[in-house]
Amino acid sequence: MHLVDGLDGPVIGVIKITVDAGDVAELIAEGTAVLAAEPEDLPGFLAAQILLSVDNKTIVVLTEWTDHHAWSQSRYDARIGDMTERFYIKAATIEFETYYRRASFTARTH
């Protein structure tokens, strides 16, 4: 399937928030609970990661979906909506973006 400008394939959703360090544990716990449940109910979900900056102030949530349609449909999931709303409430800054992977590299084993 071809999507925007001929791009296709898995879509990576990125949410990046800066927060007060005191809110980090709560937000990571909620994100972990939501993302752990996603494979059971959401078509097209492939993988997720939650990253925390070394200064304990920035959380990045990466989700991978089979295609853009699957990612956009996930926005209607109540759990994801609730998590995103809490991110908005707690965040000093918030960024959303979607990406198509164009290259991937792993360590070579000998």
PDB file of N, CA and C in Angstrom:
ATOM      1  N   MET A   1       0.850  -1.179   0.000  1.00  0.00           N
ATOM      2  CA  MET A   1       0.000   0.000   0.000  1.00  0.00           C
ATOM      3  C   MET A   1       0.887   1.230   0.000  1.00  0.00           C
ATOM      4  N   HIS A   2       0.582   2.200  -0.824  1.00  0.00           N
ATOM      5  CA  HIS A   2       1.330   3.452  -0.848  1.00  0.00           C
ATOM      6  C   HIS A   2       0.551   4.519  -0.102  1.00  0.00           C
ATOM      7  N   LEU A   3       1.269   5.271   0.695  1.00  0.00           N
ATOM      8  CA  LEU A   3       0.636   6.325   1.479  1.00  0.00           C
ATOM      9  C   LEU A   3       1.146   7.667   0.999  1.00  0.00           C
ATOM     10  N   VAL A   4       1.399   8.580   1.894  1.00  0.00           N
ATOM     11  CA  VAL A   4       1.814   9.932   1.572  1.00  0.00           C
ATOM     12  C   VAL A   4       3.098   9.920   0.746  1.00  0.00           C
ATOM     13  N   ASP A   5       3.104  10.590  -0.384  1.00  0.00           N
ATOM     14  CA  ASP A   5       4.284  10.728  -1.232  1.00  0.00           C
ATOM     15  C   ASP A   5       4.942   9.392  -1.571  1.00  0.00           C
ATOM     16  N   GLY A   6       4.145   8.348  -1.728  1.00  0.00           N
ATOM     17  CA  GLY A   6       4.697   7.064  -2.107  1.00  0.00           C
ATOM     18  C   GLY A   6       5.362   6.299  -0.978  1.00  0.00           C
ATOM     19  N   LEU A   7       5.327   6.803   0.246  1.00  0.00           N
ATOM     20  CA  LEU A   7       5.933   6.111   1.377  1.00  0.00           C
ATOM     21  C   LEU A   7       4.985   5.032   1.878  1.00  0.00           C
ATOM     22  N   ASP A   8       5.529   3.930   2.301  1.00  0.00           N
ATOM     23  CA  ASP A   8       4.706   2.874   2.852  1.00  0.00           C
ATOM     24  C   ASP A   8       5.508   2.121   3.905  1.00  0.00           C
ATOM     25  N   GLY A   9       4.893   1.133   4.485  1.00  0.00           N
ATOM     26  CA  GLY A   9       5.568   0.317   5.486  1.00  0.00           C
ATOM     27  C   GLY A   9       5.243   0.761   6.888  1.00  0.00           C
ATOM     28  N   PRO A  10       5.940   0.177   7.849  1.00  0.00           N
ATOM     29  CA  PRO A  10       5.667   0.493   9.250  1.00  0.00           C
ATOM     30  C   PRO A  10       5.809   1.985   9.553  1.00  0.00           C
ATOM     31  N   VAL A  11       4.981   2.440  10.481  1.00  0.00           N
ATOM     32  CA  VAL A  11       4.984   3.836  10.920  1.00  0.00           C
ATOM     33  C   VAL A  11       5.424   3.874  12.377  1.00  0.00           C
ATOM     34  N   ILE A  12       6.321   4.802  12.688  1.00  0.00           N
ATOM     35  CA  ILE A  12       6.798   5.001  14.051  1.00  0.00           C
ATOM     36  C   ILE A  12       6.121   6.266  14.590  1.00  0.00           C
ATOM     37  N   GLY A  13       5.383   6.114  15.684  1.00  0.00           N
ATOM     38  CA  GLY A  13       4.790   7.258  16.364  1.00  0.00           C
ATOM     39  C   GLY A  13       5.698   7.683  17.503  1.00  0.00           C
ATOM     40  N   VAL A  14       5.945   8.991  17.615  1.00  0.00           N
ATOM     41  CA  VAL A  14       6.836   9.507  18.654  1.00  0.00           C
ATOM     42  C   VAL A  14       6.106  10.577  19.456  1.00  0.00           C
ATOM     43  N   ILE A  15       6.083  10.398  20.764  1.00  0.00           N
ATOM     44  CA  ILE A  15       5.601  11.422  21.682  1.00  0.00           C
ATOM     45  C   ILE A  15       6.786  11.785  22.569  1.00  0.00           C
ATOM     46  N   LYS A  16       7.119  13.069  22.615  1.00  0.00           N
ATOM     47  CA  LYS A  16       8.245  13.531  23.441  1.00  0.00           C
ATOM     48  C   LYS A  16       7.719  14.602  24.386  1.00  0.00           C
ATOM     49  N   ILE A  17       7.901  14.384  25.689  1.00  0.00           N
ATOM     50  CA  ILE A  17       7.437  15.355  26.674  1.00  0.00           C
ATOM     51  C   ILE A  17       8.552  15.690  27.651  1.00  0.00           C
ATOM     52  N   THR A  18       8.594  16.944  28.051  1.00  0.00           N
ATOM     53  CA  THR A  18       9.448  17.337  29.158  1.00  0.00           C
ATOM     54  C   THR A  18       8.538  17.552  30.358  1.00  0.00           C
ATOM     55  N   VAL A  19       8.971  17.043  31.503  1.00  0.00           N
ATOM     56  CA  VAL A  19       8.133  17.047  32.697  1.00  0.00           C
ATOM     57  C   VAL A  19       8.974  17.359  33.923  1.00  0.00           C
ATOM     58  N   ASP A  20       8.295  17.655  35.009  1.00  0.00           N
ATOM     59  CA  ASP A  20       8.945  17.771  36.305  1.00  0.00           C
ATOM     60  C   ASP A  20       9.414  16.379  36.712  1.00  0.00           C
ATOM     61  N   ALA A  21      10.620  16.276  37.226  1.00  0.00           N
ATOM     62  CA  ALA A  21      11.186  14.981  37.609  1.00  0.00           C
ATOM     63  C   ALA A  21      10.287  14.221  38.586  1.00  0.00           C
ATOM     64  N   GLY A  22       9.508  14.949  39.379  1.00  0.00           N
ATOM     65  CA  GLY A  22       8.601  14.314  40.330  1.00  0.00           C
ATOM     66  C   GLY A  22       7.435  13.583  39.683  1.00  0.00           C
ATOM     67  N   ASP A  23       7.153  13.872  38.421  1.00  0.00           N
ATOM     68  CA  ASP A  23       6.053  13.223  37.706  1.00  0.00           C
ATOM     69  C   ASP A  23       6.499  12.042  36.852  1.00  0.00           C
ATOM     70  N   VAL A  24       7.804  11.844  36.726  1.00  0.00           N
ATOM     71  CA  VAL A  24       8.343  10.828  35.815  1.00  0.00           C
ATOM     72  C   VAL A  24       7.848   9.423  36.153  1.00  0.00           C
ATOM     73  N   ALA A  25       7.974   9.009  37.396  1.00  0.00           N
ATOM     74  CA  ALA A  25       7.613   7.637  37.783  1.00  0.00           C
ATOM     75  C   ALA A  25       6.150   7.346  37.454  1.00  0.00           C
ATOM     76  N   GLU A  26       5.257   8.281  37.770  1.00  0.00           N
ATOM     77  CA  GLU A  26       3.822   8.103  37.502  1.00  0.00           C
ATOM     78  C   GLU A  26       3.554   7.966  36.000  1.00  0.00           C
ATOM     79  N   LEU A  27       4.160   8.834  35.197  1.00  0.00           N
ATOM     80  CA  LEU A  27       3.907   8.817  33.761  1.00  0.00           C
ATOM     81  C   LEU A  27       4.511   7.583  33.091  1.00  0.00           C
ATOM     82  N   ILE A  28       5.675   7.169  33.534  1.00  0.00           N
ATOM     83  CA  ILE A  28       6.269   5.953  32.969  1.00  0.00           C
ATOM     84  C   ILE A  28       5.447   4.731  33.366  1.00  0.00           C
ATOM     85  N   ALA A  29       4.975   4.685  34.593  1.00  0.00           N
ATOM     86  CA  ALA A  29       4.137   3.560  35.028  1.00  0.00           C
ATOM     87  C   ALA A  29       2.856   3.495  34.197  1.00  0.00           C
ATOM     88  N   GLU A  30       2.234   4.628  33.965  1.00  0.00           N
ATOM     89  CA  GLU A  30       1.008   4.633  33.161  1.00  0.00           C
ATOM     90  C   GLU A  30       1.296   4.225  31.721  1.00  0.00           C
ATOM     91  N   GLY A  31       2.348   4.799  31.147  1.00  0.00           N
ATOM     92  CA  GLY A  31       2.709   4.445  29.775  1.00  0.00           C
ATOM     93  C   GLY A  31       3.024   2.968  29.637  1.00  0.00           C
ATOM     94  N   THR A  32       3.725   2.415  30.613  1.00  0.00           N
ATOM     95  CA  THR A  32       4.059   0.993  30.598  1.00  0.00           C
ATOM     96  C   THR A  32       2.800   0.134  30.646  1.00  0.00           C
ATOM     97  N   ALA A  33       1.857   0.486  31.510  1.00  0.00           N
ATOM     98  CA  ALA A  33       0.614  -0.275  31.620  1.00  0.00           C
ATOM     99  C   ALA A  33      -0.186  -0.224  30.322  1.00  0.00           C
ATOM    100  N   VAL A  34      -0.277   0.937  29.723  1.00  0.00           N
ATOM    101  CA  VAL A  34      -1.038   1.090  28.472  1.00  0.00           C
ATOM    102  C   VAL A  34      -0.365   0.302  27.349  1.00  0.00           C
ATOM    103  N   LEU A  35       0.934   0.474  27.194  1.00  0.00           N
ATOM    104  CA  LEU A  35       1.627  -0.177  26.081  1.00  0.00           C
ATOM    105  C   LEU A  35       1.716  -1.688  26.259  1.00  0.00           C
ATOM    106  N   ALA A  36       1.750  -2.162  27.483  1.00  0.00           N
ATOM    107  CA  ALA A  36       1.763  -3.609  27.717  1.00  0.00           C
ATOM    108  C   ALA A  36       0.449  -4.246  27.284  1.00  0.00           C
ATOM    109  N   ALA A  37      -0.650  -3.494  27.342  1.00  0.00           N
ATOM    110  CA  ALA A  37      -1.964  -4.018  26.966  1.00  0.00           C
ATOM    111  C   ALA A  37      -2.249  -3.876  25.473  1.00  0.00           C
ATOM    112  N   GLU A  38      -1.536  -2.997  24.766  1.00  0.00           N
ATOM    113  CA  GLU A  38      -1.852  -2.727  23.363  1.00  0.00           C
ATOM    114  C   GLU A  38      -1.830  -3.937  22.445  1.00  0.00           C
ATOM    115  N   PRO A  39      -0.852  -4.822  22.527  1.00  0.00           N
ATOM    116  CA  PRO A  39      -0.830  -5.928  21.562  1.00  0.00           C
ATOM    117  C   PRO A  39      -2.086  -6.784  21.595  1.00  0.00           C
ATOM    118  N   GLU A  40      -2.772  -6.813  22.710  1.00  0.00           N
ATOM    119  CA  GLU A  40      -3.967  -7.641  22.840  1.00  0.00           C
ATOM    120  C   GLU A  40      -5.155  -7.088  22.079  1.00  0.00           C
ATOM    121  N   ASP A  41      -5.255  -5.773  21.953  1.00  0.00           N
ATOM    122  CA  ASP A  41      -6.482  -5.182  21.456  1.00  0.00           C
ATOM    123  C   ASP A  41      -6.357  -4.320  20.206  1.00  0.00           C
ATOM    124  N   LEU A  42      -5.186  -3.877  19.866  1.00  0.00           N
ATOM    125  CA  LEU A  42      -5.076  -2.910  18.776  1.00  0.00           C
ATOM    126  C   LEU A  42      -4.463  -3.523  17.524  1.00  0.00           C
ATOM    127  N   PRO A  43      -5.253  -3.587  16.459  1.00  0.00           N
ATOM    128  CA  PRO A  43      -4.728  -4.126  15.209  1.00  0.00           C
ATOM    129  C   PRO A  43      -3.569  -3.278  14.692  1.00  0.00           C
ATOM    130  N   GLY A  44      -2.542  -3.927  14.211  1.00  0.00           N
ATOM    131  CA  GLY A  44      -1.433  -3.222  13.601  1.00  0.00           C
ATOM    132  C   GLY A  44      -0.318  -2.819  14.553  1.00  0.00           C
ATOM    133  N   PHE A  45      -0.483  -3.044  15.849  1.00  0.00           N
ATOM    134  CA  PHE A  45       0.567  -2.707  16.808  1.00  0.00           C
ATOM    135  C   PHE A  45       1.721  -3.687  16.647  1.00  0.00           C
ATOM    136  N   LEU A  46       2.956  -3.166  16.514  1.00  0.00           N
ATOM    137  CA  LEU A  46       4.134  -4.015  16.366  1.00  0.00           C
ATOM    138  C   LEU A  46       5.057  -3.986  17.577  1.00  0.00           C
ATOM    139  N   ALA A  47       5.344  -2.785  18.091  1.00  0.00           N
ATOM    140  CA  ALA A  47       6.323  -2.680  19.185  1.00  0.00           C
ATOM    141  C   ALA A  47       6.236  -1.307  19.821  1.00  0.00           C
ATOM    142  N   ALA A  48       6.860  -1.178  20.998  1.00  0.00           N
ATOM    143  CA  ALA A  48       6.917   0.126  21.679  1.00  0.00           C
ATOM    144  C   ALA A  48       8.145   0.182  22.572  1.00  0.00           C
ATOM    145  N   GLN A  49       8.587   1.397  22.824  1.00  0.00           N
ATOM    146  CA  GLN A  49       9.667   1.662  23.765  1.00  0.00           C
ATOM    147  C   GLN A  49       9.331   2.939  24.519  1.00  0.00           C
ATOM    148  N   ILE A  50       9.737   2.988  25.776  1.00  0.00           N
ATOM    149  CA  ILE A  50       9.654   4.213  26.559  1.00  0.00           C
ATOM    150  C   ILE A  50      11.079   4.566  26.961  1.00  0.00           C
ATOM    151  N   LEU A  51      11.502   5.775  26.614  1.00  0.00           N
ATOM    152  CA  LEU A  51      12.850   6.237  26.912  1.00  0.00           C
ATOM    153  C   LEU A  51      12.783   7.367  27.933  1.00  0.00           C
ATOM    154  N   LEU A  52      13.788   7.449  28.797  1.00  0.00           N
ATOM    155  CA  LEU A  52      13.895   8.521  29.780  1.00  0.00           C
ATOM    156  C   LEU A  52      15.276   9.140  29.649  1.00  0.00           C
ATOM    157  N   SER A  53      15.326  10.464  29.548  1.00  0.00           N
ATOM    158  CA  SER A  53      16.613  11.149  29.424  1.00  0.00           C
ATOM    159  C   SER A  53      17.432  10.983  30.702  1.00  0.00           C
ATOM    160  N   VAL A  54      18.742  11.140  30.574  1.00  0.00           N
ATOM    161  CA  VAL A  54      19.621  10.965  31.728  1.00  0.00           C
ATOM    162  C   VAL A  54      19.396  12.026  32.795  1.00  0.00           C
ATOM    163  N   ASP A  55      18.818  13.171  32.430  1.00  0.00           N
ATOM    164  CA  ASP A  55      18.532  14.191  33.438  1.00  0.00           C
ATOM    165  C   ASP A  55      17.165  14.000  34.092  1.00  0.00           C
ATOM    166  N   ASN A  56      16.468  12.904  33.723  1.00  0.00           N
ATOM    167  CA  ASN A  56      15.190  12.546  34.344  1.00  0.00           C
ATOM    168  C   ASN A  56      14.087  13.571  34.086  1.00  0.00           C
ATOM    169  N   LYS A  57      14.133  14.268  32.944  1.00  0.00           N
ATOM    170  CA  LYS A  57      13.148  15.306  32.651  1.00  0.00           C
ATOM    171  C   LYS A  57      12.418  15.131  31.330  1.00  0.00           C
ATOM    172  N   THR A  58      12.899  14.241  30.463  1.00  0.00           N
ATOM    173  CA  THR A  58      12.266  14.064  29.153  1.00  0.00           C
ATOM    174  C   THR A  58      11.918  12.595  28.950  1.00  0.00           C
ATOM    175  N   ILE A  59      10.659  12.360  28.594  1.00  0.00           N
ATOM    176  CA  ILE A  59      10.174  11.016  28.287  1.00  0.00           C
ATOM    177  C   ILE A  59       9.862  10.979  26.795  1.00  0.00           C
ATOM    178  N   VAL A  60      10.310   9.908  26.139  1.00  0.00           N
ATOM    179  CA  VAL A  60       9.984   9.693  24.736  1.00  0.00           C
ATOM    180  C   VAL A  60       9.279   8.342  24.637  1.00  0.00           C
ATOM    181  N   VAL A  61       8.105   8.340  24.026  1.00  0.00           N
ATOM    182  CA  VAL A  61       7.362   7.110  23.795  1.00  0.00           C
ATOM    183  C   VAL A  61       7.383   6.839  22.299  1.00  0.00           C
ATOM    184  N   LEU A  62       7.960   5.690  21.922  1.00  0.00           N
ATOM    185  CA  LEU A  62       8.029   5.276  20.522  1.00  0.00           C
ATOM    186  C   LEU A  62       7.091   4.092  20.334  1.00  0.00           C
ATOM    187  N   THR A  63       6.210   4.175  19.360  1.00  0.00           N
ATOM    188  CA  THR A  63       5.357   3.043  19.028  1.00  0.00           C
ATOM    189  C   THR A  63       5.515   2.743  17.545  1.00  0.00           C
ATOM    190  N   GLU A  64       5.448   1.474  17.198  1.00  0.00           N
ATOM    191  CA  GLU A  64       5.586   1.071  15.800  1.00  0.00           C
ATOM    192  C   GLU A  64       4.320   0.342  15.373  1.00  0.00           C
ATOM    193  N   TRP A  65       3.828   0.710  14.193  1.00  0.00           N
ATOM    194  CA  TRP A  65       2.559   0.203  13.655  1.00  0.00           C
ATOM    195  C   TRP A  65       2.778  -0.327  12.248  1.00  0.00           C
ATOM    196  N   THR A  66       1.956  -1.260  11.832  1.00  0.00           N
ATOM    197  CA  THR A  66       2.106  -1.860  10.507  1.00  0.00           C
ATOM    198  C   THR A  66       2.001  -0.837   9.387  1.00  0.00           C
ATOM    199  N   ASP A  67       1.172   0.192   9.595  1.00  0.00           N
ATOM    200  CA  ASP A  67       0.990   1.215   8.562  1.00  0.00           C
ATOM    201  C   ASP A  67       0.352   2.452   9.200  1.00  0.00           C
ATOM    202  N   HIS A  68       0.222   3.495   8.405  1.00  0.00           N
ATOM    203  CA  HIS A  68      -0.321   4.760   8.920  1.00  0.00           C
ATOM    204  C   HIS A  68      -1.776   4.607   9.369  1.00  0.00           C
ATOM    205  N   HIS A  69      -2.540   3.793   8.671  1.00  0.00           N
ATOM    206  CA  HIS A  69      -3.943   3.585   9.052  1.00  0.00           C
ATOM    207  C   HIS A  69      -4.033   2.973  10.458  1.00  0.00           C
ATOM    208  N   ALA A  70      -3.209   1.965  10.739  1.00  0.00           N
ATOM    209  CA  ALA A  70      -3.230   1.338  12.072  1.00  0.00           C
ATOM    210  C   ALA A  70      -2.857   2.353  13.147  1.00  0.00           C
ATOM    211  N   TRP A  71      -1.831   3.181  12.870  1.00  0.00           N
ATOM    212  CA  TRP A  71      -1.446   4.212  13.836  1.00  0.00           C
ATOM    213  C   TRP A  71      -2.601   5.179  14.068  1.00  0.00           C
ATOM    214  N   SER A  72      -3.234   5.652  12.996  1.00  0.00           N
ATOM    215  CA  SER A  72      -4.307   6.638  13.161  1.00  0.00           C
ATOM    216  C   SER A  72      -5.509   6.037  13.877  1.00  0.00           C
ATOM    217  N   GLN A  73      -5.820   4.782  13.638  1.00  0.00           N
ATOM    218  CA  GLN A  73      -6.926   4.133  14.344  1.00  0.00           C
ATOM    219  C   GLN A  73      -6.645   4.020  15.837  1.00  0.00           C
ATOM    220  N   SER A  74      -5.369   3.851  16.211  1.00  0.00           N
ATOM    221  CA  SER A  74      -5.030   3.713  17.627  1.00  0.00           C
ATOM    222  C   SER A  74      -5.334   4.983  18.408  1.00  0.00           C
ATOM    223  N   ARG A  75      -5.409   6.110  17.736  1.00  0.00           N
ATOM    224  CA  ARG A  75      -5.702   7.385  18.407  1.00  0.00           C
ATOM    225  C   ARG A  75      -7.112   7.391  18.996  1.00  0.00           C
ATOM    226  N   TYR A  76      -7.983   6.477  18.558  1.00  0.00           N
ATOM    227  CA  TYR A  76      -9.347   6.401  19.078  1.00  0.00           C
ATOM    228  C   TYR A  76      -9.470   5.460  20.273  1.00  0.00           C
ATOM    229  N   ASP A  77      -8.375   4.782  20.638  1.00  0.00           N
ATOM    230  CA  ASP A  77      -8.393   3.881  21.777  1.00  0.00           C
ATOM    231  C   ASP A  77      -8.483   4.703  23.070  1.00  0.00           C
ATOM    232  N   ALA A  78      -9.401   4.345  23.961  1.00  0.00           N
ATOM    233  CA  ALA A  78      -9.633   5.111  25.196  1.00  0.00           C
ATOM    234  C   ALA A  78      -8.390   5.145  26.084  1.00  0.00           C
ATOM    235  N   ARG A  79      -7.671   4.030  26.193  1.00  0.00           N
ATOM    236  CA  ARG A  79      -6.475   3.995  27.053  1.00  0.00           C
ATOM    237  C   ARG A  79      -5.404   4.942  26.529  1.00  0.00           C
ATOM    238  N   ILE A  80      -5.192   4.922  25.228  1.00  0.00           N
ATOM    239  CA  ILE A  80      -4.197   5.816  24.642  1.00  0.00           C
ATOM    240  C   ILE A  80      -4.639   7.267  24.807  1.00  0.00           C
ATOM    241  N   GLY A  81      -5.921   7.528  24.630  1.00  0.00           N
ATOM    242  CA  GLY A  81      -6.438   8.881  24.824  1.00  0.00           C
ATOM    243  C   GLY A  81      -6.233   9.380  26.244  1.00  0.00           C
ATOM    244  N   ASP A  82      -6.496   8.528  27.220  1.00  0.00           N
ATOM    245  CA  ASP A  82      -6.302   8.906  28.627  1.00  0.00           C
ATOM    246  C   ASP A  82      -4.823   9.161  28.926  1.00  0.00           C
ATOM    247  N   MET A  83      -3.941   8.291  28.406  1.00  0.00           N
ATOM    248  CA  MET A  83      -2.512   8.468  28.625  1.00  0.00           C
ATOM    249  C   MET A  83      -2.043   9.785  27.996  1.00  0.00           C
ATOM    250  N   THR A  84      -2.457  10.034  26.778  1.00  0.00           N
ATOM    251  CA  THR A  84      -2.058  11.261  26.083  1.00  0.00           C
ATOM    252  C   THR A  84      -2.575  12.496  26.807  1.00  0.00           C
ATOM    253  N   GLU A  85      -3.784  12.434  27.322  1.00  0.00           N
ATOM    254  CA  GLU A  85      -4.342  13.561  28.073  1.00  0.00           C
ATOM    255  C   GLU A  85      -3.510  13.853  29.317  1.00  0.00           C
ATOM    256  N   ARG A  86      -3.092  12.803  30.051  1.00  0.00           N
ATOM    257  CA  ARG A  86      -2.260  13.024  31.236  1.00  0.00           C
ATOM    258  C   ARG A  86      -0.894  13.580  30.849  1.00  0.00           C
ATOM    259  N   PHE A  87      -0.369  13.123  29.721  1.00  0.00           N
ATOM    260  CA  PHE A  87       0.884  13.703  29.232  1.00  0.00           C
ATOM    261  C   PHE A  87       0.715  15.199  28.999  1.00  0.00           C
ATOM    262  N   TYR A  88      -0.391  15.590  28.351  1.00  0.00           N
ATOM    263  CA  TYR A  88      -0.663  17.014  28.109  1.00  0.00           C
ATOM    264  C   TYR A  88      -0.717  17.793  29.426  1.00  0.00           C
ATOM    265  N   ILE A  89      -1.413  17.252  30.398  1.00  0.00           N
ATOM    266  CA  ILE A  89      -1.593  17.936  31.683  1.00  0.00           C
ATOM    267  C   ILE A  89      -0.261  18.120  32.406  1.00  0.00           C
ATOM    268  N   LYS A  90       0.581  17.090  32.400  1.00  0.00           N
ATOM    269  CA  LYS A  90       1.832  17.108  33.163  1.00  0.00           C
ATOM    270  C   LYS A  90       3.006  17.735  32.414  1.00  0.00           C
ATOM    271  N   ALA A  91       2.918  17.846  31.098  1.00  0.00           N
ATOM    272  CA  ALA A  91       4.065  18.261  30.293  1.00  0.00           C
ATOM    273  C   ALA A  91       4.306  19.759  30.320  1.00  0.00           C
ATOM    274  N   ALA A  92       5.580  20.133  30.425  1.00  0.00           N
ATOM    275  CA  ALA A  92       5.976  21.524  30.201  1.00  0.00           C
ATOM    276  C   ALA A  92       6.010  21.780  28.695  1.00  0.00           C
ATOM    277  N   THR A  93       6.481  20.769  27.927  1.00  0.00           N
ATOM    278  CA  THR A  93       6.433  20.804  26.465  1.00  0.00           C
ATOM    279  C   THR A  93       6.036  19.417  25.979  1.00  0.00           C
ATOM    280  N   ILE A  94       5.410  19.370  24.819  1.00  0.00           N
ATOM    281  CA  ILE A  94       5.011  18.090  24.231  1.00  0.00           C
ATOM    282  C   ILE A  94       5.134  18.184  22.718  1.00  0.00           C
ATOM    283  N   GLU A  95       5.659  17.126  22.114  1.00  0.00           N
ATOM    284  CA  GLU A  95       5.804  17.045  20.662  1.00  0.00           C
ATOM    285  C   GLU A  95       5.258  15.703  20.187  1.00  0.00           C
ATOM    286  N   PHE A  96       4.566  15.724  19.042  1.00  0.00           N
ATOM    287  CA  PHE A  96       4.085  14.512  18.397  1.00  0.00           C
ATOM    288  C   PHE A  96       4.602  14.490  16.969  1.00  0.00           C
ATOM    289  N   GLU A  97       4.972  13.305  16.492  1.00  0.00           N
ATOM    290  CA  GLU A  97       5.381  13.171  15.092  1.00  0.00           C
ATOM    291  C   GLU A  97       5.266  11.709  14.690  1.00  0.00           C
ATOM    292  N   THR A  98       5.090  11.476  13.402  1.00  0.00           N
ATOM    293  CA  THR A  98       5.141  10.115  12.876  1.00  0.00           C
ATOM    294  C   THR A  98       6.246  10.047  11.829  1.00  0.00           C
ATOM    295  N   TYR A  99       6.859   8.859  11.734  1.00  0.00           N
ATOM    296  CA  TYR A  99       7.999   8.662  10.842  1.00  0.00           C
ATOM    297  C   TYR A  99       7.872   7.338  10.106  1.00  0.00           C
ATOM    298  N   TYR A 100       8.496   7.272   8.946  1.00  0.00           N
ATOM    299  CA  TYR A 100       8.713   6.017   8.244  1.00  0.00           C
ATOM    300  C   TYR A 100      10.193   5.674   8.392  1.00  0.00           C
ATOM    301  N   ARG A 101      10.491   4.435   8.760  1.00  0.00           N
ATOM    302  CA  ARG A 101      11.880   4.015   8.880  1.00  0.00           C
ATOM    303  C   ARG A 101      12.453   3.862   7.473  1.00  0.00           C
ATOM    304  N   ARG A 102      13.607   4.439   7.247  1.00  0.00           N
ATOM    305  CA  ARG A 102      14.252   4.347   5.950  1.00  0.00           C
ATOM    306  C   ARG A 102      15.559   3.574   6.012  1.00  0.00           C
ATOM    307  N   ALA A 103      16.102   3.353   7.202  1.00  0.00           N
ATOM    308  CA  ALA A 103      17.298   2.533   7.364  1.00  0.00           C
ATOM    309  C   ALA A 103      17.359   2.065   8.808  1.00  0.00           C
ATOM    310  N   SER A 104      17.969   0.909   9.012  1.00  0.00           N
ATOM    311  CA  SER A 104      18.112   0.354  10.350  1.00  0.00           C
ATOM    312  C   SER A 104      19.429  -0.420  10.396  1.00  0.00           C
ATOM    313  N   PHE A 105      20.160  -0.307  11.481  1.00  0.00           N
ATOM    314  CA  PHE A 105      21.453  -0.941  11.596  1.00  0.00           C
ATOM    315  C   PHE A 105      21.563  -1.634  12.944  1.00  0.00           C
ATOM    316  N   THR A 106      22.196  -2.772  12.971  1.00  0.00           N
ATOM    317  CA  THR A 106      22.454  -3.488  14.216  1.00  0.00           C
ATOM    318  C   THR A 106      23.931  -3.892  14.245  1.00  0.00           C
ATOM    319  N   ALA A 107      24.415  -4.202  15.419  1.00  0.00           N
ATOM    320  CA  ALA A 107      25.811  -4.622  15.563  1.00  0.00           C
ATOM    321  C   ALA A 107      26.022  -5.954  14.846  1.00  0.00           C
ATOM    322  N   ARG A 108      27.161  -6.067  14.222  1.00  0.00           N
ATOM    323  CA  ARG A 108      27.504  -7.316  13.551  1.00  0.00           C
ATOM    324  C   ARG A 108      28.159  -8.253  14.559  1.00  0.00           C
ATOM    325  N   THR A 109      27.783  -9.504  14.520  1.00  0.00           N
ATOM    326  CA  THR A 109      28.419 -10.499  15.378  1.00  0.00           C
ATOM    327  C   THR A 109      29.366 -11.325  14.533  1.00  0.00           C
ATOM    328  N   HIS A 110      30.487 -11.657  15.087  1.00  0.00           N
ATOM    329  CA  HIS A 110      31.490 -12.422  14.330  1.00  0.00           C
ATOM    330  C   HIS A 110      31.662 -13.793  14.917  1.00  0.00           C
TER     331      HIS A 110
END
